[in-house]
Protein backbone atom coordinates (compact mmCIF):
# COMPACT_ATOMS: atom_id res chain seq x y z
CA MET A 1 114.62 130.68 70.71
CA SER A 2 116.30 132.48 73.61
CA GLU A 3 119.73 131.53 72.30
CA GLU A 4 118.85 133.05 68.94
CA ASN A 5 117.66 136.25 70.63
CA ASP A 6 120.88 136.44 72.64
CA LYS A 7 122.88 136.05 69.44
CA ILE A 8 120.95 138.85 67.73
CA ALA A 9 121.41 141.07 70.79
CA LYS A 10 125.15 140.45 70.82
CA GLN A 11 125.41 141.25 67.10
CA GLY A 12 123.48 144.44 67.69
CA GLY A 13 125.86 145.36 70.51
CA VAL A 14 128.90 144.81 68.29
CA ALA A 15 127.36 146.93 65.55
CA ALA A 16 126.63 149.69 68.04
CA LYS A 17 130.20 149.62 69.31
CA ARG A 18 131.52 149.79 65.77
CA ALA A 19 129.27 152.74 65.04
CA VAL A 20 130.56 154.57 68.13
CA GLN A 21 134.17 153.79 67.15
CA SER A 22 133.56 155.02 63.60
CA ARG A 23 132.11 158.27 64.92
CA ARG A 24 135.13 158.74 67.19
CA GLU A 25 137.54 158.12 64.33
CA PHE A 26 135.62 160.56 62.13
CA LEU A 27 135.70 163.24 64.83
CA ARG A 28 139.41 162.61 65.43
CA ALA A 29 140.16 162.88 61.70
CA THR A 30 138.08 166.07 61.47
CA VAL A 31 139.93 167.67 64.38
CA LEU A 32 143.34 166.67 63.01
CA GLY A 33 142.38 167.90 59.55
CA GLY A 34 141.23 171.21 61.01
CA CYS A 35 144.52 171.57 62.87
CA ALA A 36 146.47 170.88 59.67
CA VAL A 37 144.44 173.46 57.75
CA GLY A 38 144.89 175.95 60.58
CA ALA A 39 148.64 175.39 60.61
CA SER A 40 148.75 175.80 56.85
CA LEU A 41 146.85 179.07 57.09
CA LEU A 42 149.21 180.30 59.80
CA GLY A 43 152.07 179.58 57.42
CA PHE A 44 150.21 181.21 54.55
CA LEU A 45 149.43 184.51 56.29
CA PRO A 46 153.05 185.71 56.31
CA VAL A 47 153.20 184.89 52.59
CA VAL A 48 150.16 187.07 51.90
CA ARG A 49 151.69 189.89 53.93
CA GLY A 50 154.99 189.60 52.05
CA ASN A 51 157.14 188.97 55.13
CA ALA A 52 157.64 185.21 54.73
CA LEU A 53 161.34 185.70 54.16
CA ALA A 54 163.81 183.15 52.82
CA LEU A 55 167.11 183.26 50.97
CA ARG A 56 166.03 183.55 47.35
CA PRO A 57 167.94 182.94 44.10
CA PRO A 58 169.92 185.81 42.55
CA GLY A 59 167.83 188.67 41.21
CA ALA A 60 164.67 187.99 43.23
CA ILE A 61 162.45 191.10 43.24
CA LYS A 62 162.29 191.72 46.96
CA THR A 63 163.56 193.94 49.72
CA PRO A 64 165.09 192.69 52.97
CA ASP A 65 161.68 193.15 54.65
CA ASP A 66 159.16 192.34 51.93
CA GLU A 67 158.81 189.58 49.35
CA GLN A 68 155.24 190.19 48.26
CA GLU A 69 156.20 191.25 44.74
CA PHE A 70 158.46 188.23 44.30
CA LEU A 71 155.88 185.76 45.60
CA ALA A 72 153.21 187.31 43.36
CA ALA A 73 155.43 187.16 40.27
CA CYS A 74 156.84 183.67 40.81
CA ILE A 75 154.72 180.95 39.15
CA LYS A 76 156.61 178.11 40.89
CA CYS A 77 157.59 176.59 37.55
CA GLY A 78 160.92 175.19 38.78
CA GLN A 79 162.96 176.35 35.77
CA CYS A 80 165.56 177.96 38.04
CA VAL A 81 165.83 174.71 39.99
CA GLN A 82 166.53 172.63 36.91
CA LEU A 83 169.33 174.86 35.61
CA CYS A 84 171.34 175.42 38.80
CA PRO A 85 174.73 173.70 38.34
CA VAL A 86 175.17 172.97 42.05
CA GLU A 87 171.48 172.24 42.73
CA ALA A 88 171.35 175.02 45.31
CA ILE A 89 167.77 176.05 44.55
CA GLN A 90 164.88 174.13 46.08
CA LEU A 91 161.10 174.56 45.95
CA ALA A 92 159.47 175.21 49.32
CA ASP A 93 157.23 172.49 50.72
CA LEU A 94 154.21 172.96 52.99
CA ASP A 95 156.29 172.69 56.15
CA LYS A 96 158.49 175.65 55.22
CA GLY A 97 155.76 178.24 55.74
CA PHE A 98 157.21 180.72 53.28
CA GLY A 99 155.56 180.49 49.91
CA ILE A 100 154.73 176.90 48.97
CA GLY A 101 156.46 175.98 45.70
CA ALA A 102 158.58 179.16 45.65
CA PRO A 103 162.35 178.74 45.08
CA TYR A 104 164.67 179.21 48.02
CA ILE A 105 168.23 178.36 49.04
CA ASP A 106 169.41 176.72 52.26
CA PRO A 107 173.01 177.98 52.26
CA ARG A 108 174.25 175.59 54.95
CA THR A 109 173.12 172.64 52.83
CA GLN A 110 174.12 174.03 49.43
CA ALA A 111 174.94 177.64 48.67
CA CYS A 112 174.88 179.45 45.33
CA ASP A 113 178.50 179.51 44.15
CA PHE A 114 177.75 181.29 40.85
CA SER A 115 179.11 178.32 38.90
CA CYS A 116 177.12 179.71 35.97
CA ASP A 117 178.79 182.99 35.05
CA GLY A 118 175.68 183.95 33.08
CA LEU A 119 173.20 183.55 35.98
CA GLN A 120 171.24 180.80 34.28
CA CYS A 121 168.48 180.83 36.92
CA VAL A 122 167.76 184.47 36.07
CA LEU A 123 167.77 183.80 32.35
CA ALA A 124 165.39 180.86 32.82
CA CYS A 125 162.79 182.77 34.85
CA PRO A 126 159.79 183.35 32.54
CA THR A 127 158.06 186.02 34.64
CA GLY A 128 160.85 188.30 35.83
CA ALA A 129 160.43 187.20 39.46
CA LEU A 130 164.21 186.92 39.12
CA ARG A 131 165.04 190.29 37.61
CA HIS A 132 166.40 190.09 34.08
CA SER A 133 168.10 193.45 34.65
CA ILE A 134 171.00 191.80 36.49
CA ASN A 135 173.68 190.12 34.42
CA TYR A 136 176.56 189.39 36.77
CA PRO A 137 177.00 187.84 40.26
CA ALA A 138 178.21 191.10 41.82
CA GLU A 139 174.85 192.69 41.00
CA SER A 140 172.95 190.17 43.15
CA ARG A 141 171.39 191.20 46.45
CA MET A 142 170.45 187.93 48.13
CA GLY A 143 171.41 188.85 51.71
CA PHE A 144 174.49 189.84 53.68
CA ALA A 145 176.97 187.72 55.63
CA ARG A 146 177.35 188.17 59.39
CA LEU A 147 179.82 186.78 61.92
CA ALA A 148 177.16 185.35 64.23
CA LEU A 149 179.30 183.15 66.51
CA PRO A 150 182.78 184.70 66.84
CA ASP A 151 183.81 182.17 69.51
CA LYS A 152 183.47 179.37 66.94
CA CYS A 153 185.56 181.09 64.24
CA LEU A 154 188.87 179.23 63.75
CA ALA A 155 190.58 182.28 62.27
CA LEU A 156 189.68 184.33 65.34
CA GLN A 157 191.31 181.63 67.45
CA GLY A 158 194.42 181.74 65.25
CA LYS A 159 193.81 178.13 64.20
CA GLY A 160 194.29 176.39 60.89
CA PHE A 161 192.19 173.68 59.31
CA LYS A 162 193.07 170.31 57.84
CA GLY A 163 190.72 167.83 56.19
CA GLN A 164 187.28 167.94 54.64
CA ALA A 165 185.58 171.22 55.45
CA ARG A 166 182.21 169.67 56.31
CA GLY A 167 183.25 166.06 56.84
CA PRO A 168 183.26 163.01 54.56
CA ASP A 169 179.47 162.67 54.41
CA TYR A 170 178.70 166.21 53.32
CA ALA A 171 177.10 166.23 49.85
CA GLY A 172 177.49 169.92 48.98
CA LYS A 173 179.38 170.95 45.84
CA LEU A 174 181.65 173.78 44.76
CA ARG A 175 183.51 174.63 41.60
CA TYR A 176 187.29 174.48 42.02
CA GLU A 177 189.15 176.25 39.23
CA GLU A 178 192.24 174.07 39.55
CA VAL A 179 190.16 170.87 39.31
CA ASP A 180 187.51 171.65 36.70
CA ARG A 181 186.55 175.11 35.48
CA TRP A 182 182.97 174.14 34.70
CA SER A 183 181.99 171.08 36.72
CA PRO A 184 181.37 171.46 40.47
CA ILE A 185 182.69 168.60 42.62
CA PRO A 186 181.74 167.45 46.14
CA VAL A 187 183.40 169.51 48.87
CA ALA A 188 184.18 166.17 50.55
CA ASP A 189 186.47 165.34 47.60
CA TYR A 190 188.60 168.44 48.18
CA PRO A 191 190.49 168.27 51.52
CA TYR A 192 192.22 171.38 52.84
CA ASP A 193 195.48 171.91 54.67
CA LEU A 194 195.51 175.49 55.93
CA GLU A 195 197.88 177.05 58.43
CA LEU A 196 195.17 179.58 59.22
CA CYS A 197 191.55 178.87 58.35
CA ASP A 198 190.46 181.30 55.65
CA LEU A 199 187.79 179.21 53.97
CA CYS A 200 185.15 181.95 54.08
CA VAL A 201 187.48 184.21 52.08
CA ARG A 202 189.16 181.52 49.99
CA GLN A 203 185.88 180.10 48.63
CA CYS A 204 183.91 183.34 48.33
CA PRO A 205 182.79 183.55 44.66
CA ILE A 206 183.17 187.33 44.65
CA GLU A 207 186.70 187.18 46.05
CA ILE A 208 187.61 184.43 43.56
CA ARG A 209 186.47 186.65 40.72
CA ILE A 210 188.39 189.63 42.09
CA ALA A 211 191.58 187.51 42.19
CA GLN A 212 191.00 186.23 38.65
CA CYS A 213 190.48 189.76 37.35
CA ALA A 214 193.60 191.01 39.16
CA ALA A 215 195.53 188.26 37.36
CA GLY A 216 194.13 189.42 34.02
CA LYS A 217 191.87 186.38 33.68
CA PRO A 218 188.27 187.52 34.19
CA PRO A 219 185.63 184.75 34.18
CA SER A 220 184.63 183.79 30.64
CA GLY A 221 187.08 186.44 29.43
CA ASP A 222 184.51 189.12 30.22
CA PRO A 223 185.80 192.17 32.18
CA ASN A 224 182.20 192.93 33.18
CA GLN A 225 182.39 189.85 35.41
CA CYS A 226 184.91 191.67 37.63
CA PRO A 227 183.25 192.70 40.93
CA PRO A 228 183.78 196.39 41.80
CA LYS A 229 184.03 195.81 45.57
CA LYS A 230 185.44 193.20 47.93
CA ALA A 231 183.01 190.93 49.75
CA ILE A 232 185.01 189.63 52.72
CA ALA A 233 188.54 189.82 54.15
CA LEU A 234 190.52 188.59 57.13
CA GLU A 235 191.87 191.46 59.22
CA PRO A 236 194.39 191.18 62.12
CA LEU A 237 193.02 191.15 65.63
CA GLY A 238 195.60 191.35 68.38
CA PRO A 239 199.19 190.04 68.57
CA ASN A 240 198.49 186.27 68.71
CA GLY A 241 197.94 185.79 64.98
CA ALA A 242 194.16 185.90 65.26
CA MET A 243 192.32 187.18 62.21
CA MET A 244 188.73 188.37 62.04
CA PRO A 245 186.46 187.87 59.01
CA VAL A 246 185.17 191.31 58.05
CA ILE A 247 182.23 191.55 55.66
CA LYS A 248 182.69 194.18 52.96
CA GLU A 249 180.27 196.15 50.79
CA GLY A 250 180.65 193.73 47.90
CA CYS A 251 178.98 190.84 49.76
CA VAL A 252 175.94 189.60 47.83
CA GLY A 253 174.74 186.99 50.35
CA CYS A 254 175.37 183.93 48.19
CA GLY A 255 175.91 181.77 51.29
CA VAL A 256 179.18 180.02 50.39
CA CYS A 257 180.87 181.31 53.55
CA GLU A 258 178.11 179.79 55.70
CA MET A 259 178.21 176.56 53.69
CA ILE A 260 181.99 176.03 53.91
CA CYS A 261 182.50 177.09 57.56
CA PRO A 262 183.74 173.94 59.40
CA PRO A 263 182.23 174.46 62.89
CA GLN A 264 178.70 173.31 63.62
CA PRO A 265 176.80 175.57 63.94
CA PRO A 266 178.76 177.83 61.57
CA ALA A 267 180.51 180.94 62.82
CA ILE A 268 179.29 182.95 59.84
CA VAL A 269 175.75 183.04 58.47
CA ILE A 270 173.67 184.90 55.90
CA ASP A 271 171.32 187.57 57.19
CA ILE A 272 168.35 187.63 54.81
CA ARG A 273 167.09 190.87 56.33
CA GLN A 274 170.11 192.79 55.08
CA ASP A 275 171.82 193.43 51.78
CA ALA A 276 174.60 195.70 50.57
CA ASP A 277 172.23 198.40 49.30
CA ASN A 278 170.15 198.37 52.48
CA LEU A 279 173.26 198.76 54.64
CA GLN A 280 174.51 201.61 52.49
CA ARG A 281 171.21 203.45 52.88
CA GLY A 282 171.36 202.94 56.64
CA ARG A 283 174.85 204.43 56.84
CA SER A 284 174.08 207.47 54.70
């Protein structure tokens, strides 16, 4: 009889231990869940205030300091994502902290190269979160380029560049007129051999359009596609052949210069808190 009592006591002890362990696991899960919710709310607050900034697709209704109108208008439908020829547009996940499900662009990974002359993302937007009032790339105000790390700029060092701009494993795409007018190809499939690195100017979609228009060949045969102002240029700096990238008023912040810049981190980046109109107002 005593053996049976001992057995029952042991079983009761095991059950008690399991109950304690279950309570601990429940409390741990509750605490972790609360932390996750708290972190999510911390990420959500800037969205509510309209200052959860990110590089948005062309035409986004925002200012350099406020995105509240854009985030309120965007229904996170993903239409702009589906139509982008270079797959530059992504939908923000929970960890981004700037408008879950809202479209954004990571220019270093894949910039907007305006492969679609008609701004298909704008045309696809059903709510006007991407303003239907813009028709051409030069009218975009996504951000403004900035030479953030001059010491990394190859042109400033008077150096050239040979090879794949971002290495053989880089998956980003660009449209190369001499290869295929309409189909973007991997940057890794287009090696360069440049006496002086000018990739930020050479691949700038605005500068490409300016050159095409100067040659009497505007994109899609439409003169309205011709940008009115230059976006970027290399200007001499000193007697050793060094050239400095200078951002011009026609920069729309598409991000191609940041994407194509060979150094890591890139010498040139997009400042999402500036755009051409904002800078003009500051100077006047």
